[in-house]
mmCIF file of all heavy atoms, coordinates in Angstrom:
data_MODEL
# 
_entry.id   MODEL 
# 
loop_
_atom_site.group_PDB 
_atom_site.id 
_atom_site.type_symbol 
_atom_site.label_atom_id 
_atom_site.label_alt_id 
_atom_site.label_comp_id 
_atom_site.label_asym_id 
_atom_site.label_entity_id 
_atom_site.label_seq_id 
_atom_site.pdbx_PDB_ins_code 
_atom_site.Cartn_x 
_atom_site.Cartn_y 
_atom_site.Cartn_z 
_atom_site.occupancy 
_atom_site.B_iso_or_equiv 
_atom_site.pdbx_formal_charge 
_atom_site.auth_seq_id 
_atom_site.auth_comp_id 
_atom_site.auth_asym_id 
_atom_site.auth_atom_id 
_atom_site.pdbx_PDB_model_num 
ATOM 1   N N   . ARG A 1 1  ? -80.967 -85.759  -141.600 1.00 0.00 ? 1  ARG A N   1 
ATOM 2   C CA  . ARG A 1 1  ? -81.776 -86.454  -142.612 1.00 0.00 ? 1  ARG A CA  1 
ATOM 3   C C   . ARG A 1 1  ? -81.023 -86.625  -143.875 1.00 0.00 ? 1  ARG A C   1 
ATOM 4   O O   . ARG A 1 1  ? -81.062 -87.660  -144.505 1.00 0.00 ? 1  ARG A O   1 
ATOM 5   C CB  . ARG A 1 1  ? -83.076 -85.702  -142.844 1.00 0.00 ? 1  ARG A CB  1 
ATOM 6   C CG  . ARG A 1 1  ? -84.165 -85.983  -141.807 1.00 0.00 ? 1  ARG A CG  1 
ATOM 7   C CD  . ARG A 1 1  ? -85.564 -85.442  -142.383 1.00 0.00 ? 1  ARG A CD  1 
ATOM 8   N NE  . ARG A 1 1  ? -86.370 -85.351  -141.234 1.00 0.00 ? 1  ARG A NE  1 
ATOM 9   C CZ  . ARG A 1 1  ? -87.079 -84.275  -140.823 1.00 0.00 ? 1  ARG A CZ  1 
ATOM 10  N NH1 . ARG A 1 1  ? -87.026 -83.278  -141.595 1.00 0.00 ? 1  ARG A NH1 1 
ATOM 11  N NH2 . ARG A 1 1  ? -87.881 -84.383  -139.834 1.00 0.00 ? 1  ARG A NH2 1 
ATOM 12  N N   . THR A 1 2  ? -80.380 -85.552  -144.281 1.00 0.00 ? 2  THR A N   1 
ATOM 13  C CA  . THR A 1 2  ? -79.640 -85.535  -145.511 1.00 0.00 ? 2  THR A CA  1 
ATOM 14  C C   . THR A 1 2  ? -78.476 -86.590  -145.387 1.00 0.00 ? 2  THR A C   1 
ATOM 15  O O   . THR A 1 2  ? -78.201 -87.322  -146.315 1.00 0.00 ? 2  THR A O   1 
ATOM 16  C CB  . THR A 1 2  ? -79.021 -84.095  -145.841 1.00 0.00 ? 2  THR A CB  1 
ATOM 17  O OG1 . THR A 1 2  ? -80.126 -83.251  -145.902 1.00 0.00 ? 2  THR A OG1 1 
ATOM 18  C CG2 . THR A 1 2  ? -78.233 -84.225  -147.106 1.00 0.00 ? 2  THR A CG2 1 
ATOM 19  N N   . LEU A 1 3  ? -77.799 -86.566  -144.301 1.00 0.00 ? 3  LEU A N   1 
ATOM 20  C CA  . LEU A 1 3  ? -76.686 -87.494  -144.119 1.00 0.00 ? 3  LEU A CA  1 
ATOM 21  C C   . LEU A 1 3  ? -77.278 -88.960  -144.155 1.00 0.00 ? 3  LEU A C   1 
ATOM 22  O O   . LEU A 1 3  ? -76.666 -89.836  -144.689 1.00 0.00 ? 3  LEU A O   1 
ATOM 23  C CB  . LEU A 1 3  ? -75.944 -87.189  -142.877 1.00 0.00 ? 3  LEU A CB  1 
ATOM 24  C CG  . LEU A 1 3  ? -75.068 -85.958  -142.848 1.00 0.00 ? 3  LEU A CG  1 
ATOM 25  C CD1 . LEU A 1 3  ? -74.475 -85.737  -141.479 1.00 0.00 ? 3  LEU A CD1 1 
ATOM 26  C CD2 . LEU A 1 3  ? -73.958 -86.174  -143.839 1.00 0.00 ? 3  LEU A CD2 1 
ATOM 27  N N   . ASP A 1 4  ? -78.367 -89.160  -143.432 1.00 0.00 ? 4  ASP A N   1 
ATOM 28  C CA  . ASP A 1 4  ? -78.943 -90.512  -143.462 1.00 0.00 ? 4  ASP A CA  1 
ATOM 29  C C   . ASP A 1 4  ? -79.281 -90.968  -144.933 1.00 0.00 ? 4  ASP A C   1 
ATOM 30  O O   . ASP A 1 4  ? -79.133 -92.142  -145.234 1.00 0.00 ? 4  ASP A O   1 
ATOM 31  C CB  . ASP A 1 4  ? -80.181 -90.567  -142.540 1.00 0.00 ? 4  ASP A CB  1 
ATOM 32  C CG  . ASP A 1 4  ? -79.793 -90.563  -141.094 1.00 0.00 ? 4  ASP A CG  1 
ATOM 33  O OD1 . ASP A 1 4  ? -78.636 -90.862  -140.742 1.00 0.00 ? 4  ASP A OD1 1 
ATOM 34  O OD2 . ASP A 1 4  ? -80.690 -90.300  -140.240 1.00 0.00 ? 4  ASP A OD2 1 
ATOM 35  N N   . GLU A 1 5  ? -79.870 -90.027  -145.612 1.00 0.00 ? 5  GLU A N   1 
ATOM 36  C CA  . GLU A 1 5  ? -80.166 -90.385  -146.930 1.00 0.00 ? 5  GLU A CA  1 
ATOM 37  C C   . GLU A 1 5  ? -78.987 -90.662  -147.823 1.00 0.00 ? 5  GLU A C   1 
ATOM 38  O O   . GLU A 1 5  ? -78.975 -91.581  -148.633 1.00 0.00 ? 5  GLU A O   1 
ATOM 39  C CB  . GLU A 1 5  ? -81.005 -89.199  -147.672 1.00 0.00 ? 5  GLU A CB  1 
ATOM 40  C CG  . GLU A 1 5  ? -82.425 -89.107  -147.152 1.00 0.00 ? 5  GLU A CG  1 
ATOM 41  C CD  . GLU A 1 5  ? -83.127 -87.897  -147.744 1.00 0.00 ? 5  GLU A CD  1 
ATOM 42  O OE1 . GLU A 1 5  ? -82.635 -87.305  -148.693 1.00 0.00 ? 5  GLU A OE1 1 
ATOM 43  O OE2 . GLU A 1 5  ? -84.267 -87.573  -147.121 1.00 0.00 ? 5  GLU A OE2 1 
ATOM 44  N N   . MET A 1 6  ? -77.927 -89.890  -147.593 1.00 0.00 ? 6  MET A N   1 
ATOM 45  C CA  . MET A 1 6  ? -76.709 -90.014  -148.436 1.00 0.00 ? 6  MET A CA  1 
ATOM 46  C C   . MET A 1 6  ? -75.893 -91.276  -148.007 1.00 0.00 ? 6  MET A C   1 
ATOM 47  O O   . MET A 1 6  ? -75.407 -91.972  -148.826 1.00 0.00 ? 6  MET A O   1 
ATOM 48  C CB  . MET A 1 6  ? -75.812 -88.834  -148.259 1.00 0.00 ? 6  MET A CB  1 
ATOM 49  C CG  . MET A 1 6  ? -76.339 -87.586  -148.952 1.00 0.00 ? 6  MET A CG  1 
ATOM 50  S SD  . MET A 1 6  ? -75.402 -86.118  -148.560 1.00 0.00 ? 6  MET A SD  1 
ATOM 51  C CE  . MET A 1 6  ? -73.766 -86.524  -149.186 1.00 0.00 ? 6  MET A CE  1 
ATOM 52  N N   . PHE A 1 7  ? -75.879 -91.528  -146.686 1.00 0.00 ? 7  PHE A N   1 
ATOM 53  C CA  . PHE A 1 7  ? -74.996 -92.597  -146.260 1.00 0.00 ? 7  PHE A CA  1 
ATOM 54  C C   . PHE A 1 7  ? -75.683 -93.816  -145.552 1.00 0.00 ? 7  PHE A C   1 
ATOM 55  O O   . PHE A 1 7  ? -75.087 -94.713  -145.193 1.00 0.00 ? 7  PHE A O   1 
ATOM 56  C CB  . PHE A 1 7  ? -73.931 -92.036  -145.222 1.00 0.00 ? 7  PHE A CB  1 
ATOM 57  C CG  . PHE A 1 7  ? -73.044 -90.972  -145.837 1.00 0.00 ? 7  PHE A CG  1 
ATOM 58  C CD1 . PHE A 1 7  ? -73.237 -89.580  -145.530 1.00 0.00 ? 7  PHE A CD1 1 
ATOM 59  C CD2 . PHE A 1 7  ? -72.110 -91.309  -146.813 1.00 0.00 ? 7  PHE A CD2 1 
ATOM 60  C CE1 . PHE A 1 7  ? -72.420 -88.647  -146.096 1.00 0.00 ? 7  PHE A CE1 1 
ATOM 61  C CE2 . PHE A 1 7  ? -71.349 -90.289  -147.446 1.00 0.00 ? 7  PHE A CE2 1 
ATOM 62  C CZ  . PHE A 1 7  ? -71.491 -89.058  -146.990 1.00 0.00 ? 7  PHE A CZ  1 
ATOM 63  N N   . GLY A 1 8  ? -77.034 -93.664  -145.481 1.00 0.00 ? 8  GLY A N   1 
ATOM 64  C CA  . GLY A 1 8  ? -77.735 -94.752  -144.830 1.00 0.00 ? 8  GLY A CA  1 
ATOM 65  C C   . GLY A 1 8  ? -77.542 -96.122  -145.512 1.00 0.00 ? 8  GLY A C   1 
ATOM 66  O O   . GLY A 1 8  ? -77.398 -97.131  -144.833 1.00 0.00 ? 8  GLY A O   1 
ATOM 67  N N   . LYS A 1 9  ? -77.636 -96.068  -146.895 1.00 0.00 ? 9  LYS A N   1 
ATOM 68  C CA  . LYS A 1 9  ? -77.418 -97.352  -147.595 1.00 0.00 ? 9  LYS A CA  1 
ATOM 69  C C   . LYS A 1 9  ? -75.943 -97.925  -147.371 1.00 0.00 ? 9  LYS A C   1 
ATOM 70  O O   . LYS A 1 9  ? -75.813 -99.091  -147.287 1.00 0.00 ? 9  LYS A O   1 
ATOM 71  C CB  . LYS A 1 9  ? -77.782 -97.122  -149.113 1.00 0.00 ? 9  LYS A CB  1 
ATOM 72  C CG  . LYS A 1 9  ? -79.170 -96.888  -149.393 1.00 0.00 ? 9  LYS A CG  1 
ATOM 73  C CD  . LYS A 1 9  ? -79.464 -96.699  -150.886 1.00 0.00 ? 9  LYS A CD  1 
ATOM 74  C CE  . LYS A 1 9  ? -80.845 -96.294  -151.124 1.00 0.00 ? 9  LYS A CE  1 
ATOM 75  N NZ  . LYS A 1 9  ? -81.147 -96.059  -152.448 1.00 0.00 ? 9  LYS A NZ  1 
ATOM 76  N N   . GLN A 1 10 ? -75.051 -96.958  -147.405 1.00 0.00 ? 10 GLN A N   1 
ATOM 77  C CA  . GLN A 1 10 ? -73.626 -97.452  -147.155 1.00 0.00 ? 10 GLN A CA  1 
ATOM 78  C C   . GLN A 1 10 ? -73.470 -98.019  -145.765 1.00 0.00 ? 10 GLN A C   1 
ATOM 79  O O   . GLN A 1 10 ? -72.735 -99.024  -145.651 1.00 0.00 ? 10 GLN A O   1 
ATOM 80  C CB  . GLN A 1 10 ? -72.624 -96.300  -147.428 1.00 0.00 ? 10 GLN A CB  1 
ATOM 81  C CG  . GLN A 1 10 ? -72.517 -95.943  -148.902 1.00 0.00 ? 10 GLN A CG  1 
ATOM 82  C CD  . GLN A 1 10 ? -73.427 -94.940  -149.363 1.00 0.00 ? 10 GLN A CD  1 
ATOM 83  O OE1 . GLN A 1 10 ? -74.389 -94.574  -148.660 1.00 0.00 ? 10 GLN A OE1 1 
ATOM 84  N NE2 . GLN A 1 10 ? -73.340 -94.664  -150.639 1.00 0.00 ? 10 GLN A NE2 1 
ATOM 85  N N   . ARG A 1 11 ? -74.048 -97.405  -144.799 1.00 0.00 ? 11 ARG A N   1 
ATOM 86  C CA  . ARG A 1 11 ? -74.031 -97.824  -143.489 1.00 0.00 ? 11 ARG A CA  1 
ATOM 87  C C   . ARG A 1 11 ? -74.720 -99.260  -143.280 1.00 0.00 ? 11 ARG A C   1 
ATOM 88  O O   . ARG A 1 11 ? -74.122 -100.152 -142.624 1.00 0.00 ? 11 ARG A O   1 
ATOM 89  C CB  . ARG A 1 11 ? -74.619 -96.860  -142.520 1.00 0.00 ? 11 ARG A CB  1 
ATOM 90  C CG  . ARG A 1 11 ? -73.871 -95.587  -142.215 1.00 0.00 ? 11 ARG A CG  1 
ATOM 91  C CD  . ARG A 1 11 ? -74.596 -94.722  -141.215 1.00 0.00 ? 11 ARG A CD  1 
ATOM 92  N NE  . ARG A 1 11 ? -73.945 -93.502  -141.100 1.00 0.00 ? 11 ARG A NE  1 
ATOM 93  C CZ  . ARG A 1 11 ? -74.452 -92.262  -140.802 1.00 0.00 ? 11 ARG A CZ  1 
ATOM 94  N NH1 . ARG A 1 11 ? -75.803 -92.226  -140.545 1.00 0.00 ? 11 ARG A NH1 1 
ATOM 95  N NH2 . ARG A 1 11 ? -73.740 -91.228  -140.685 1.00 0.00 ? 11 ARG A NH2 1 
ATOM 96  N N   . ALA A 1 12 ? -75.769 -99.429  -143.937 1.00 0.00 ? 12 ALA A N   1 
ATOM 97  C CA  . ALA A 1 12 ? -76.489 -100.713 -143.995 1.00 0.00 ? 12 ALA A CA  1 
ATOM 98  C C   . ALA A 1 12 ? -75.655 -101.752 -144.686 1.00 0.00 ? 12 ALA A C   1 
ATOM 99  O O   . ALA A 1 12 ? -75.537 -102.914 -144.172 1.00 0.00 ? 12 ALA A O   1 
ATOM 100 C CB  . ALA A 1 12 ? -77.910 -100.617 -144.612 1.00 0.00 ? 12 ALA A CB  1 
ATOM 101 N N   . LEU A 1 13 ? -74.988 -101.384 -145.794 1.00 0.00 ? 13 LEU A N   1 
ATOM 102 C CA  . LEU A 1 13 ? -74.243 -102.361 -146.487 1.00 0.00 ? 13 LEU A CA  1 
ATOM 103 C C   . LEU A 1 13 ? -72.930 -102.725 -145.612 1.00 0.00 ? 13 LEU A C   1 
ATOM 104 O O   . LEU A 1 13 ? -72.564 -103.893 -145.616 1.00 0.00 ? 13 LEU A O   1 
ATOM 105 C CB  . LEU A 1 13 ? -73.763 -101.681 -147.805 1.00 0.00 ? 13 LEU A CB  1 
ATOM 106 C CG  . LEU A 1 13 ? -72.796 -102.582 -148.737 1.00 0.00 ? 13 LEU A CG  1 
ATOM 107 C CD1 . LEU A 1 13 ? -73.589 -103.806 -149.119 1.00 0.00 ? 13 LEU A CD1 1 
ATOM 108 C CD2 . LEU A 1 13 ? -72.396 -101.781 -149.938 1.00 0.00 ? 13 LEU A CD2 1 
ATOM 109 N N   . ILE A 1 14 ? -72.374 -101.750 -144.946 1.00 0.00 ? 14 ILE A N   1 
ATOM 110 C CA  . ILE A 1 14 ? -71.236 -102.006 -144.153 1.00 0.00 ? 14 ILE A CA  1 
ATOM 111 C C   . ILE A 1 14 ? -71.538 -102.951 -143.026 1.00 0.00 ? 14 ILE A C   1 
ATOM 112 O O   . ILE A 1 14 ? -70.861 -103.891 -142.655 1.00 0.00 ? 14 ILE A O   1 
ATOM 113 C CB  . ILE A 1 14 ? -70.574 -100.722 -143.588 1.00 0.00 ? 14 ILE A CB  1 
ATOM 114 C CG1 . ILE A 1 14 ? -69.890 -100.032 -144.760 1.00 0.00 ? 14 ILE A CG1 1 
ATOM 115 C CG2 . ILE A 1 14 ? -69.630 -100.940 -142.437 1.00 0.00 ? 14 ILE A CG2 1 
ATOM 116 C CD1 . ILE A 1 14 ? -69.490 -98.587  -144.424 1.00 0.00 ? 14 ILE A CD1 1 
ATOM 117 N N   . ALA A 1 15 ? -72.784 -102.605 -142.362 1.00 0.00 ? 15 ALA A N   1 
ATOM 118 C CA  . ALA A 1 15 ? -73.228 -103.510 -141.322 1.00 0.00 ? 15 ALA A CA  1 
ATOM 119 C C   . ALA A 1 15 ? -73.498 -104.854 -141.875 1.00 0.00 ? 15 ALA A C   1 
ATOM 120 O O   . ALA A 1 15 ? -73.080 -105.889 -141.068 1.00 0.00 ? 15 ALA A O   1 
ATOM 121 C CB  . ALA A 1 15 ? -74.584 -102.920 -140.684 1.00 0.00 ? 15 ALA A CB  1 
ATOM 122 N N   . GLU A 1 16 ? -73.986 -105.091 -143.029 1.00 0.00 ? 16 GLU A N   1 
ATOM 123 C CA  . GLU A 1 16 ? -74.185 -106.493 -143.493 1.00 0.00 ? 16 GLU A CA  1 
ATOM 124 C C   . GLU A 1 16 ? -72.862 -107.153 -143.768 1.00 0.00 ? 16 GLU A C   1 
ATOM 125 O O   . GLU A 1 16 ? -72.740 -108.298 -143.477 1.00 0.00 ? 16 GLU A O   1 
ATOM 126 C CB  . GLU A 1 16 ? -75.058 -106.382 -144.812 1.00 0.00 ? 16 GLU A CB  1 
ATOM 127 C CG  . GLU A 1 16 ? -75.360 -107.652 -145.411 1.00 0.00 ? 16 GLU A CG  1 
ATOM 128 C CD  . GLU A 1 16 ? -76.318 -108.616 -144.624 1.00 0.00 ? 16 GLU A CD  1 
ATOM 129 O OE1 . GLU A 1 16 ? -77.066 -108.009 -143.765 1.00 0.00 ? 16 GLU A OE1 1 
ATOM 130 O OE2 . GLU A 1 16 ? -76.201 -109.764 -144.744 1.00 0.00 ? 16 GLU A OE2 1 
ATOM 131 N N   . GLN A 1 17 ? -71.970 -106.418 -144.345 1.00 0.00 ? 17 GLN A N   1 
ATOM 132 C CA  . GLN A 1 17 ? -70.646 -106.992 -144.578 1.00 0.00 ? 17 GLN A CA  1 
ATOM 133 C C   . GLN A 1 17 ? -69.962 -107.402 -143.221 1.00 0.00 ? 17 GLN A C   1 
ATOM 134 O O   . GLN A 1 17 ? -69.342 -108.441 -143.112 1.00 0.00 ? 17 GLN A O   1 
ATOM 135 C CB  . GLN A 1 17 ? -69.719 -105.945 -145.342 1.00 0.00 ? 17 GLN A CB  1 
ATOM 136 C CG  . GLN A 1 17 ? -70.198 -105.744 -146.771 1.00 0.00 ? 17 GLN A CG  1 
ATOM 137 C CD  . GLN A 1 17 ? -70.217 -107.008 -147.624 1.00 0.00 ? 17 GLN A CD  1 
ATOM 138 O OE1 . GLN A 1 17 ? -69.287 -107.827 -147.507 1.00 0.00 ? 17 GLN A OE1 1 
ATOM 139 N NE2 . GLN A 1 17 ? -71.240 -107.200 -148.470 1.00 0.00 ? 17 GLN A NE2 1 
ATOM 140 N N   . ASP A 1 18 ? -70.068 -106.502 -142.235 1.00 0.00 ? 18 ASP A N   1 
ATOM 141 C CA  . ASP A 1 18 ? -69.548 -106.811 -140.893 1.00 0.00 ? 18 ASP A CA  1 
ATOM 142 C C   . ASP A 1 18 ? -70.180 -108.149 -140.371 1.00 0.00 ? 18 ASP A C   1 
ATOM 143 O O   . ASP A 1 18 ? -69.412 -108.956 -139.723 1.00 0.00 ? 18 ASP A O   1 
ATOM 144 C CB  . ASP A 1 18 ? -69.739 -105.655 -139.918 1.00 0.00 ? 18 ASP A CB  1 
ATOM 145 C CG  . ASP A 1 18 ? -68.884 -104.468 -140.110 1.00 0.00 ? 18 ASP A CG  1 
ATOM 146 O OD1 . ASP A 1 18 ? -67.834 -104.634 -140.883 1.00 0.00 ? 18 ASP A OD1 1 
ATOM 147 O OD2 . ASP A 1 18 ? -69.148 -103.406 -139.638 1.00 0.00 ? 18 ASP A OD2 1 
ATOM 148 N N   . LYS A 1 19 ? -71.433 -108.327 -140.574 1.00 0.00 ? 19 LYS A N   1 
ATOM 149 C CA  . LYS A 1 19 ? -72.113 -109.446 -140.108 1.00 0.00 ? 19 LYS A CA  1 
ATOM 150 C C   . LYS A 1 19 ? -71.586 -110.769 -140.786 1.00 0.00 ? 19 LYS A C   1 
ATOM 151 O O   . LYS A 1 19 ? -71.389 -111.741 -140.174 1.00 0.00 ? 19 LYS A O   1 
ATOM 152 C CB  . LYS A 1 19 ? -73.592 -109.345 -140.320 1.00 0.00 ? 19 LYS A CB  1 
ATOM 153 C CG  . LYS A 1 19 ? -74.515 -110.445 -139.828 1.00 0.00 ? 19 LYS A CG  1 
ATOM 154 C CD  . LYS A 1 19 ? -75.966 -110.235 -140.125 1.00 0.00 ? 19 LYS A CD  1 
ATOM 155 C CE  . LYS A 1 19 ? -76.789 -111.452 -139.679 1.00 0.00 ? 19 LYS A CE  1 
ATOM 156 N NZ  . LYS A 1 19 ? -78.165 -111.304 -140.031 1.00 0.00 ? 19 LYS A NZ  1 
ATOM 157 N N   . LYS A 1 20 ? -71.385 -110.599 -142.192 1.00 0.00 ? 20 LYS A N   1 
ATOM 158 C CA  . LYS A 1 20 ? -70.903 -111.717 -142.956 1.00 0.00 ? 20 LYS A CA  1 
ATOM 159 C C   . LYS A 1 20 ? -69.504 -112.124 -142.440 1.00 0.00 ? 20 LYS A C   1 
ATOM 160 O O   . LYS A 1 20 ? -69.144 -113.185 -142.312 1.00 0.00 ? 20 LYS A O   1 
ATOM 161 C CB  . LYS A 1 20 ? -70.842 -111.412 -144.521 1.00 0.00 ? 20 LYS A CB  1 
ATOM 162 C CG  . LYS A 1 20 ? -72.296 -111.444 -144.984 1.00 0.00 ? 20 LYS A CG  1 
ATOM 163 C CD  . LYS A 1 20 ? -72.236 -111.065 -146.489 1.00 0.00 ? 20 LYS A CD  1 
ATOM 164 C CE  . LYS A 1 20 ? -73.661 -111.038 -147.122 1.00 0.00 ? 20 LYS A CE  1 
ATOM 165 N NZ  . LYS A 1 20 ? -73.654 -110.713 -148.544 1.00 0.00 ? 20 LYS A NZ  1 
ATOM 166 N N   . ILE A 1 21 ? -68.693 -111.115 -142.291 1.00 0.00 ? 21 ILE A N   1 
ATOM 167 C CA  . ILE A 1 21 ? -67.295 -111.368 -141.727 1.00 0.00 ? 21 ILE A CA  1 
ATOM 168 C C   . ILE A 1 21 ? -67.304 -111.950 -140.386 1.00 0.00 ? 21 ILE A C   1 
ATOM 169 O O   . ILE A 1 21 ? -66.552 -112.951 -140.162 1.00 0.00 ? 21 ILE A O   1 
ATOM 170 C CB  . ILE A 1 21 ? -66.531 -109.953 -141.774 1.00 0.00 ? 21 ILE A CB  1 
ATOM 171 C CG1 . ILE A 1 21 ? -66.163 -109.469 -143.170 1.00 0.00 ? 21 ILE A CG1 1 
ATOM 172 C CG2 . ILE A 1 21 ? -65.223 -110.143 -140.968 1.00 0.00 ? 21 ILE A CG2 1 
ATOM 173 C CD1 . ILE A 1 21 ? -65.652 -108.088 -143.258 1.00 0.00 ? 21 ILE A CD1 1 
ATOM 174 N N   . ALA A 1 22 ? -68.205 -111.567 -139.549 1.00 0.00 ? 22 ALA A N   1 
ATOM 175 C CA  . ALA A 1 22 ? -68.282 -112.145 -138.219 1.00 0.00 ? 22 ALA A CA  1 
ATOM 176 C C   . ALA A 1 22 ? -68.708 -113.716 -138.309 1.00 0.00 ? 22 ALA A C   1 
ATOM 177 O O   . ALA A 1 22 ? -68.167 -114.508 -137.563 1.00 0.00 ? 22 ALA A O   1 
ATOM 178 C CB  . ALA A 1 22 ? -69.216 -111.390 -137.356 1.00 0.00 ? 22 ALA A CB  1 
ATOM 179 N N   . GLU A 1 23 ? -69.628 -113.940 -139.186 1.00 0.00 ? 23 GLU A N   1 
ATOM 180 C CA  . GLU A 1 23 ? -70.066 -115.263 -139.419 1.00 0.00 ? 23 GLU A CA  1 
ATOM 181 C C   . GLU A 1 23 ? -68.905 -116.112 -139.904 1.00 0.00 ? 23 GLU A C   1 
ATOM 182 O O   . GLU A 1 23 ? -68.756 -117.240 -139.558 1.00 0.00 ? 23 GLU A O   1 
ATOM 183 C CB  . GLU A 1 23 ? -71.282 -115.373 -140.407 1.00 0.00 ? 23 GLU A CB  1 
ATOM 184 C CG  . GLU A 1 23 ? -72.559 -114.844 -139.738 1.00 0.00 ? 23 GLU A CG  1 
ATOM 185 C CD  . GLU A 1 23 ? -73.638 -114.702 -140.786 1.00 0.00 ? 23 GLU A CD  1 
ATOM 186 O OE1 . GLU A 1 23 ? -73.531 -114.994 -142.032 1.00 0.00 ? 23 GLU A OE1 1 
ATOM 187 O OE2 . GLU A 1 23 ? -74.720 -114.307 -140.399 1.00 0.00 ? 23 GLU A OE2 1 
ATOM 188 N N   . LYS A 1 24 ? -68.068 -115.561 -140.838 1.00 0.00 ? 24 LYS A N   1 
ATOM 189 C CA  . LYS A 1 24 ? -67.037 -116.334 -141.512 1.00 0.00 ? 24 LYS A CA  1 
ATOM 190 C C   . LYS A 1 24 ? -65.985 -116.535 -140.358 1.00 0.00 ? 24 LYS A C   1 
ATOM 191 O O   . LYS A 1 24 ? -65.323 -117.578 -140.289 1.00 0.00 ? 24 LYS A O   1 
ATOM 192 C CB  . LYS A 1 24 ? -66.435 -115.641 -142.662 1.00 0.00 ? 24 LYS A CB  1 
ATOM 193 C CG  . LYS A 1 24 ? -67.284 -115.690 -143.827 1.00 0.00 ? 24 LYS A CG  1 
ATOM 194 C CD  . LYS A 1 24 ? -66.683 -114.957 -145.042 1.00 0.00 ? 24 LYS A CD  1 
ATOM 195 C CE  . LYS A 1 24 ? -67.675 -115.042 -146.301 1.00 0.00 ? 24 LYS A CE  1 
ATOM 196 N NZ  . LYS A 1 24 ? -67.043 -114.376 -147.448 1.00 0.00 ? 24 LYS A NZ  1 
ATOM 197 N N   . ASP A 1 25 ? -65.737 -115.555 -139.500 1.00 0.00 ? 25 ASP A N   1 
ATOM 198 C CA  . ASP A 1 25 ? -64.754 -115.670 -138.386 1.00 0.00 ? 25 ASP A CA  1 
ATOM 199 C C   . ASP A 1 25 ? -65.180 -116.725 -137.477 1.00 0.00 ? 25 ASP A C   1 
ATOM 200 O O   . ASP A 1 25 ? -64.320 -117.532 -137.048 1.00 0.00 ? 25 ASP A O   1 
ATOM 201 C CB  . ASP A 1 25 ? -64.591 -114.347 -137.688 1.00 0.00 ? 25 ASP A CB  1 
ATOM 202 C CG  . ASP A 1 25 ? -63.776 -113.315 -138.474 1.00 0.00 ? 25 ASP A CG  1 
ATOM 203 O OD1 . ASP A 1 25 ? -63.034 -113.716 -139.453 1.00 0.00 ? 25 ASP A OD1 1 
ATOM 204 O OD2 . ASP A 1 25 ? -63.804 -112.094 -137.988 1.00 0.00 ? 25 ASP A OD2 1 
ATOM 205 N N   . LYS A 1 26 ? -66.492 -116.798 -137.148 1.00 0.00 ? 26 LYS A N   1 
ATOM 206 C CA  . LYS A 1 26 ? -66.970 -117.813 -136.275 1.00 0.00 ? 26 LYS A CA  1 
ATOM 207 C C   . LYS A 1 26 ? -66.710 -119.293 -136.906 1.00 0.00 ? 26 LYS A C   1 
ATOM 208 O O   . LYS A 1 26 ? -66.288 -120.144 -136.159 1.00 0.00 ? 26 LYS A O   1 
ATOM 209 C CB  . LYS A 1 26 ? -68.474 -117.622 -136.043 1.00 0.00 ? 26 LYS A CB  1 
ATOM 210 C CG  . LYS A 1 26 ? -69.055 -118.583 -135.102 1.00 0.00 ? 26 LYS A CG  1 
ATOM 211 C CD  . LYS A 1 26 ? -70.558 -118.279 -134.826 1.00 0.00 ? 26 LYS A CD  1 
ATOM 212 C CE  . LYS A 1 26 ? -71.093 -119.450 -134.055 1.00 0.00 ? 26 LYS A CE  1 
ATOM 213 N NZ  . LYS A 1 26 ? -72.604 -119.241 -133.778 1.00 0.00 ? 26 LYS A NZ  1 
# 
């Protein structure tokens, strides 16, 4: 839970950036 609280937002942000990069690659 602590790790999810600490890094959950960063993980979501990274996932969003990965999605944007994939769209640009496409």
